[in-house]
């Protein structure tokens, strides 16, 4: 198993009597995408602000690549990249000029900086618009340059705070693909989002955060099992077939926990759909039943959040 690049223990932040983050503890392993999933105001941005040394925690500890925060803030800033939720660009400057400005802030210069800017412009697919003012860019294009700024100094760990907020579906898809490509190059990513489907698609592991508390942590499979739900198989038969007549045929198959019918469909609750499916199909064939189609449904992170908090993720 890869070693942790980030370790937090009982990290907390209070503003007077308001507890923005309440003693959260988690590790991030090298090379993974770790998502903090939670609604707006849950404490995601505050957590990233503490880990990037922008604000000091009220309590607890954080360590990044062996460096302690806030004591080793200068060393940590050389290791991490930040893609803030707010666009950190100057509209009156071109994309190239923005990247040059921020590169110089990182202490990069000369040919090294120019070469790195060219690489990043190609990576975010904005080479052709490099010399246009950022103020003329769409929201999605600005988001991509915002990501490029965070990558200028080749960080080991990248913090991405809600990087798809306020953009169109096509731009969002491009950014999600970019995140996966970054992970494939070896960059570790802490990704915050309130979009369940983003966390499901991207994450190796997910921490669910609500009202400043980390209420669950694990892989998607581990988290969905907290709900106690199995996967669901929906069997669709030929016209005129009454699925409820055949419920009993599937009751004693290993891995099938519950059977019911609804609107002509046979619905099976199973432990693992892929491993159970062959036995289900074989039983149907042996009984002379013609299956027209099969749908597999998995419990999702929205269901986990609802189960743990009693509210929907975007309430």
Protein backbone atom coordinates (compact mmCIF):
# COMPACT_ATOMS: atom_id res chain seq x y z
CA UNK A 1 0.00 0.00 0.00
CA UNK A 2 1.31 3.52 -0.81
CA UNK A 3 2.43 5.65 2.10
CA UNK A 4 0.40 8.66 3.24
CA UNK A 5 1.45 12.01 1.82
CA UNK A 6 -0.98 13.86 4.11
CA UNK A 7 -1.98 13.04 7.68
CA UNK A 8 -4.42 15.04 9.77
CA UNK A 9 -5.43 14.35 13.36
CA UNK A 10 -8.21 16.16 15.22
CA UNK A 11 -7.89 19.16 12.90
CA UNK A 12 -10.30 21.92 13.88
CA UNK A 13 -11.09 25.55 13.15
CA UNK A 14 -13.34 27.84 15.14
CA UNK A 15 -14.39 31.44 14.62
CA UNK A 16 -15.51 32.54 18.05
CA UNK A 17 -18.31 30.19 19.02
CA UNK A 18 -18.74 28.91 15.47
CA UNK A 19 -17.00 25.58 14.80
CA UNK A 20 -16.29 25.52 11.07
CA UNK A 21 -14.32 22.26 11.25
CA UNK A 22 -14.71 19.87 14.18
CA UNK A 23 -11.73 17.63 14.94
CA UNK A 24 -11.43 15.79 11.63
CA UNK A 25 -8.83 13.07 11.06
CA UNK A 26 -7.89 11.44 7.75
CA UNK A 27 -4.92 10.36 5.65
CA UNK A 28 -4.35 10.74 1.91
CA UNK A 29 -2.21 8.11 0.19
CA UNK A 30 0.33 9.00 -2.48
CA UNK A 31 -1.12 8.74 -5.97
CA UNK A 32 -4.80 8.68 -5.04
CA UNK A 33 -7.73 11.00 -5.61
CA UNK A 34 -9.29 11.65 -2.22
CA UNK A 35 -12.58 13.53 -2.32
CA UNK A 36 -14.20 15.53 0.44
CA UNK A 37 -17.90 15.30 -0.39
CA UNK A 38 -20.41 17.52 1.35
CA UNK A 39 -22.91 20.35 0.89
CA UNK A 40 -21.99 24.01 0.68
CA UNK A 41 -20.90 25.26 4.10
CA UNK A 42 -19.82 21.81 5.31
CA UNK A 43 -16.22 22.87 5.99
CA UNK A 44 -14.50 21.70 2.80
CA UNK A 45 -12.90 25.03 1.85
CA UNK A 46 -11.89 25.72 5.45
CA UNK A 47 -10.15 22.35 5.58
CA UNK A 48 -8.20 23.07 2.39
CA UNK A 49 -7.32 26.55 3.66
CA UNK A 50 -5.79 25.03 6.79
CA UNK A 51 -3.90 22.35 4.87
CA UNK A 52 -2.50 24.91 2.43
CA UNK A 53 -1.34 27.12 5.35
CA UNK A 54 -3.63 29.99 4.37
CA UNK A 55 -5.27 29.94 7.80
CA UNK A 56 -4.08 28.50 11.10
CA UNK A 57 -6.04 25.68 12.70
CA UNK A 58 -7.53 26.21 16.14
CA UNK A 59 -6.40 22.74 17.16
CA UNK A 60 -5.11 19.41 15.95
CA UNK A 61 -2.19 18.54 13.69
CA UNK A 62 -1.49 18.22 9.98
CA UNK A 63 1.55 16.74 8.25
CA UNK A 64 2.33 16.88 4.52
CA UNK A 65 5.22 14.81 3.14
CA UNK A 66 6.82 14.78 6.58
CA UNK A 67 6.45 18.53 7.16
CA UNK A 68 4.34 19.84 10.04
CA UNK A 69 1.77 22.60 9.72
CA UNK A 70 1.82 25.45 10.47
CA UNK A 71 5.49 25.25 11.51
CA UNK A 72 6.84 24.17 8.11
CA UNK A 73 4.52 26.29 5.97
CA UNK A 74 7.24 27.39 3.52
CA UNK A 75 8.31 23.80 2.78
CA UNK A 76 4.69 22.68 2.42
CA UNK A 77 3.93 25.41 -0.13
CA UNK A 78 6.67 24.02 -2.37
CA UNK A 79 5.02 20.59 -2.31
CA UNK A 80 1.37 21.52 -2.81
CA UNK A 81 -0.57 23.18 -5.59
CA UNK A 82 -3.86 24.99 -5.02
CA UNK A 83 -6.82 25.33 -7.39
CA UNK A 84 -9.15 27.63 -5.42
CA UNK A 85 -12.89 27.78 -5.90
CA UNK A 86 -12.61 31.48 -6.69
CA UNK A 87 -10.86 32.17 -9.99
CA UNK A 88 -7.37 33.54 -9.18
CA UNK A 89 -6.72 35.23 -12.53
CA UNK A 90 -6.43 38.78 -13.85
CA UNK A 91 -9.03 39.45 -16.56
CA UNK A 92 -6.97 42.19 -18.21
CA UNK A 93 -4.01 39.85 -18.75
CA UNK A 94 -3.76 37.03 -21.28
CA UNK A 95 -3.56 33.41 -20.19
CA UNK A 96 0.16 33.39 -20.92
CA UNK A 97 0.70 36.58 -18.92
CA UNK A 98 -1.28 35.19 -15.98
CA UNK A 99 0.80 32.02 -15.98
CA UNK A 100 4.01 34.05 -16.22
CA UNK A 101 2.96 36.23 -13.28
CA UNK A 102 2.13 33.26 -11.06
CA UNK A 103 5.20 31.34 -12.19
CA UNK A 104 7.42 34.22 -11.10
CA UNK A 105 5.60 34.25 -7.77
CA UNK A 106 6.69 30.61 -7.40
CA UNK A 107 10.27 31.62 -8.18
CA UNK A 108 10.33 30.13 -11.67
CA UNK A 109 11.80 32.21 -14.49
CA UNK A 110 13.51 32.36 -17.86
CA UNK A 111 13.37 29.49 -20.34
CA UNK A 112 12.22 27.09 -17.64
CA UNK A 113 9.08 29.12 -17.03
CA UNK A 114 8.35 29.69 -20.72
CA UNK A 115 8.69 25.98 -21.44
CA UNK A 116 6.44 25.10 -18.50
CA UNK A 117 3.81 27.60 -19.66
CA UNK A 118 3.80 26.06 -23.14
CA UNK A 119 3.39 22.58 -21.62
CA UNK A 120 0.47 23.66 -19.45
CA UNK A 121 -1.32 25.58 -22.19
CA UNK A 122 -1.20 22.44 -24.31
CA UNK A 123 -2.31 20.30 -21.36
CA UNK A 124 -5.41 22.44 -20.75
CA UNK A 125 -5.99 22.80 -24.52
CA UNK A 126 -5.74 26.59 -24.63
CA UNK A 127 -2.62 27.12 -26.74
CA UNK A 128 -4.63 28.84 -29.49
CA UNK A 129 -6.14 31.29 -27.00
CA UNK A 130 -2.95 31.83 -25.00
CA UNK A 131 -2.56 35.48 -25.97
CA UNK A 132 -6.21 36.48 -25.55
CA UNK A 133 -7.29 38.36 -22.46
CA UNK A 134 -8.73 36.04 -19.80
CA UNK A 135 -11.68 38.43 -19.55
CA UNK A 136 -12.80 37.15 -22.97
CA UNK A 137 -12.78 33.51 -21.81
CA UNK A 138 -15.79 31.37 -20.96
CA UNK A 139 -16.21 30.13 -17.40
CA UNK A 140 -14.89 26.70 -18.34
CA UNK A 141 -11.77 28.14 -19.99
CA UNK A 142 -11.04 30.24 -16.90
CA UNK A 143 -11.37 27.13 -14.75
CA UNK A 144 -8.82 25.32 -16.90
CA UNK A 145 -6.28 28.14 -16.66
CA UNK A 146 -6.96 28.23 -12.91
CA UNK A 147 -5.90 24.57 -12.81
CA UNK A 148 -2.80 25.33 -14.89
CA UNK A 149 -1.70 27.93 -12.32
CA UNK A 150 -1.86 25.30 -9.59
CA UNK A 151 0.37 22.99 -11.64
CA UNK A 152 3.10 25.50 -12.54
CA UNK A 153 5.67 24.28 -10.00
CA UNK A 154 4.91 20.55 -10.52
CA UNK A 155 3.38 19.88 -7.09
CA UNK A 156 3.27 16.44 -5.50
CA UNK A 157 -0.14 17.15 -3.94
CA UNK A 158 -2.87 19.21 -5.61
CA UNK A 159 -5.79 20.73 -3.71
CA UNK A 160 -8.81 21.25 -6.00
CA UNK A 161 -11.67 23.12 -4.34
CA UNK A 162 -14.95 22.73 -6.27
CA UNK A 163 -13.22 23.16 -9.67
CA UNK A 164 -16.39 22.62 -11.75
CA UNK A 165 -18.71 25.11 -10.06
CA UNK A 166 -20.69 27.30 -12.43
CA UNK A 167 -19.62 25.81 -15.76
CA UNK A 168 -21.42 24.02 -18.58
CA UNK A 169 -21.58 20.20 -18.84
CA UNK A 170 -19.03 20.00 -21.68
CA UNK A 171 -16.45 22.04 -19.74
CA UNK A 172 -17.16 20.02 -16.64
CA UNK A 173 -16.51 16.77 -18.52
CA UNK A 174 -13.21 18.12 -19.81
CA UNK A 175 -12.07 19.04 -16.30
CA UNK A 176 -13.06 15.67 -14.84
CA UNK A 177 -11.05 13.93 -17.55
CA UNK A 178 -8.14 16.24 -16.77
CA UNK A 179 -8.29 15.32 -13.07
CA UNK A 180 -8.02 11.63 -13.92
CA UNK A 181 -5.11 12.31 -16.27
CA UNK A 182 -3.29 14.20 -13.51
CA UNK A 183 -3.72 11.25 -11.16
CA UNK A 184 -2.30 8.97 -13.86
CA UNK A 185 0.87 11.10 -13.95
CA UNK A 186 1.42 10.43 -10.23
CA UNK A 187 -0.01 13.60 -8.71
CA UNK A 188 -1.99 13.09 -5.51
CA UNK A 189 -5.26 15.04 -5.45
CA UNK A 190 -7.51 16.29 -2.66
CA UNK A 191 -10.76 17.13 -4.45
CA UNK A 192 -13.72 18.85 -2.83
CA UNK A 193 -17.21 18.73 -4.30
CA UNK A 194 -20.90 18.75 -3.49
CA UNK A 195 -21.63 16.73 -6.63
CA UNK A 196 -22.13 13.08 -5.70
CA UNK A 197 -21.53 11.88 -9.26
CA UNK A 198 -18.11 13.60 -9.39
CA UNK A 199 -16.97 11.91 -6.20
CA UNK A 200 -18.20 8.55 -7.48
CA UNK A 201 -16.43 8.90 -10.82
CA UNK A 202 -13.10 10.28 -9.64
CA UNK A 203 -12.34 9.03 -6.18
CA UNK A 204 -10.21 6.22 -4.87
CA UNK A 205 -11.59 7.11 -1.44
CA UNK A 206 -14.19 9.57 -0.19
CA UNK A 207 -14.59 11.47 3.07
CA UNK A 208 -18.16 12.62 3.68
CA UNK A 209 -18.26 15.91 5.58
CA UNK A 210 -21.26 17.73 7.03
CA UNK A 211 -21.47 20.68 9.42
CA UNK A 212 -17.71 20.53 9.99
CA UNK A 213 -17.63 16.83 10.89
CA UNK A 214 -16.13 13.97 8.91
CA UNK A 215 -18.98 11.51 9.28
CA UNK A 216 -17.74 8.67 7.06
CA UNK A 217 -14.62 7.69 5.12
CA UNK A 218 -13.75 4.86 2.75
CA UNK A 219 -14.02 3.55 -0.78
CA UNK A 220 -17.38 3.91 -2.49
CA UNK A 221 -18.07 0.22 -1.91
CA UNK A 222 -17.21 0.50 1.78
CA UNK A 223 -19.39 3.58 2.20
CA UNK A 224 -22.42 2.17 0.43
CA UNK A 225 -22.27 -0.89 2.65
CA UNK A 226 -22.76 1.40 5.63
CA UNK A 227 -26.30 1.84 4.39
CA UNK A 228 -26.91 -1.88 4.47
CA UNK A 229 -28.12 -1.90 0.88
CA UNK A 230 -27.34 -4.60 -1.62
CA UNK A 231 -27.13 -4.12 -5.35
CA UNK A 232 -30.32 -4.48 -7.34
CA UNK A 233 -31.06 -6.57 -10.43
CA UNK A 234 -34.11 -5.55 -12.47
CA UNK A 235 -35.31 -8.25 -14.87
CA UNK A 236 -37.62 -7.27 -17.73
CA UNK A 237 -39.59 -10.08 -19.37
CA UNK A 238 -41.61 -10.35 -22.57
CA UNK A 239 -44.96 -8.65 -22.99
CA UNK A 240 -47.84 -10.09 -21.05
CA UNK A 241 -45.58 -11.86 -18.59
CA UNK A 242 -46.51 -11.45 -14.93
CA UNK A 243 -43.20 -11.19 -13.05
CA UNK A 244 -44.87 -11.70 -9.68
CA UNK A 245 -45.71 -15.29 -10.71
CA UNK A 246 -42.00 -16.15 -10.82
CA UNK A 247 -40.70 -14.60 -7.60
CA UNK A 248 -40.38 -17.96 -5.88
CA UNK A 249 -38.11 -19.30 -8.66
CA UNK A 250 -35.26 -17.02 -7.56
CA UNK A 251 -35.64 -17.11 -3.78
CA UNK A 252 -33.10 -19.85 -3.07
CA UNK A 253 -30.23 -18.63 -5.27
CA UNK A 254 -27.04 -17.93 -3.32
CA UNK A 255 -26.53 -14.18 -2.98
CA UNK A 256 -30.20 -13.27 -3.52
CA UNK A 257 -31.59 -11.69 -0.36
CA UNK A 258 -35.00 -10.44 -1.42
CA UNK A 259 -37.30 -10.67 -4.41
CA UNK A 260 -40.26 -8.54 -5.40
CA UNK A 261 -42.10 -7.39 -8.51
CA UNK A 262 -43.13 -3.95 -9.66
CA UNK A 263 -44.82 -2.89 -12.90
CA UNK A 264 -44.01 -6.17 -14.60
CA UNK A 265 -40.36 -6.16 -13.49
CA UNK A 266 -38.76 -8.73 -11.23
CA UNK A 267 -36.55 -6.96 -8.68
CA UNK A 268 -33.83 -8.92 -6.88
CA UNK A 269 -31.74 -7.54 -4.01
CA UNK A 270 -28.35 -9.22 -4.24
CA UNK A 271 -24.95 -9.05 -2.58
CA UNK A 272 -22.89 -8.66 -5.75
CA UNK A 273 -24.77 -8.40 -9.03
CA UNK A 274 -21.97 -9.53 -11.34
CA UNK A 275 -21.28 -12.75 -9.44
CA UNK A 276 -24.99 -13.53 -8.90
CA UNK A 277 -26.16 -12.74 -12.43
CA UNK A 278 -25.09 -16.03 -14.12
CA UNK A 279 -27.12 -18.11 -11.66
CA UNK A 280 -30.14 -15.85 -12.12
CA UNK A 281 -29.99 -16.11 -15.92
CA UNK A 282 -29.49 -19.88 -15.74
CA UNK A 283 -32.53 -20.25 -13.47
CA UNK A 284 -34.64 -18.14 -15.84
CA UNK A 285 -33.56 -20.17 -18.87
CA UNK A 286 -34.21 -23.48 -17.10
CA UNK A 287 -37.72 -22.27 -16.26
CA UNK A 288 -38.46 -21.19 -19.83
CA UNK A 289 -38.49 -17.48 -19.02
CA UNK A 290 -37.31 -15.07 -21.69
CA UNK A 291 -35.45 -12.10 -20.22
CA UNK A 292 -35.63 -9.09 -22.53
CA UNK A 293 -33.24 -6.90 -20.56
CA UNK A 294 -31.44 -6.65 -17.21
CA UNK A 295 -30.53 -3.47 -15.32
CA UNK A 296 -27.99 -3.38 -12.50
CA UNK A 297 -28.36 -0.64 -9.90
CA UNK A 298 -25.86 0.09 -7.15
CA UNK A 299 -26.45 2.09 -3.98
CA UNK A 300 -24.75 5.48 -4.36
CA UNK A 301 -23.14 8.11 -2.17
CA UNK A 302 -26.31 10.20 -2.17
CA UNK A 303 -28.03 7.32 -0.39
CA UNK A 304 -25.17 7.14 2.11
CA UNK A 305 -25.38 10.87 2.86
CA UNK A 306 -29.14 10.69 3.26
CA UNK A 307 -28.81 7.70 5.59
CA UNK A 308 -26.16 9.38 7.76
CA UNK A 309 -27.63 12.89 7.96
CA UNK A 310 -31.32 12.52 7.21
CA UNK A 311 -31.12 15.07 4.39
CA UNK A 312 -30.22 15.18 0.72
CA UNK A 313 -26.71 16.23 -0.30
CA UNK A 314 -27.86 19.48 -1.92
CA UNK A 315 -30.66 20.49 0.47
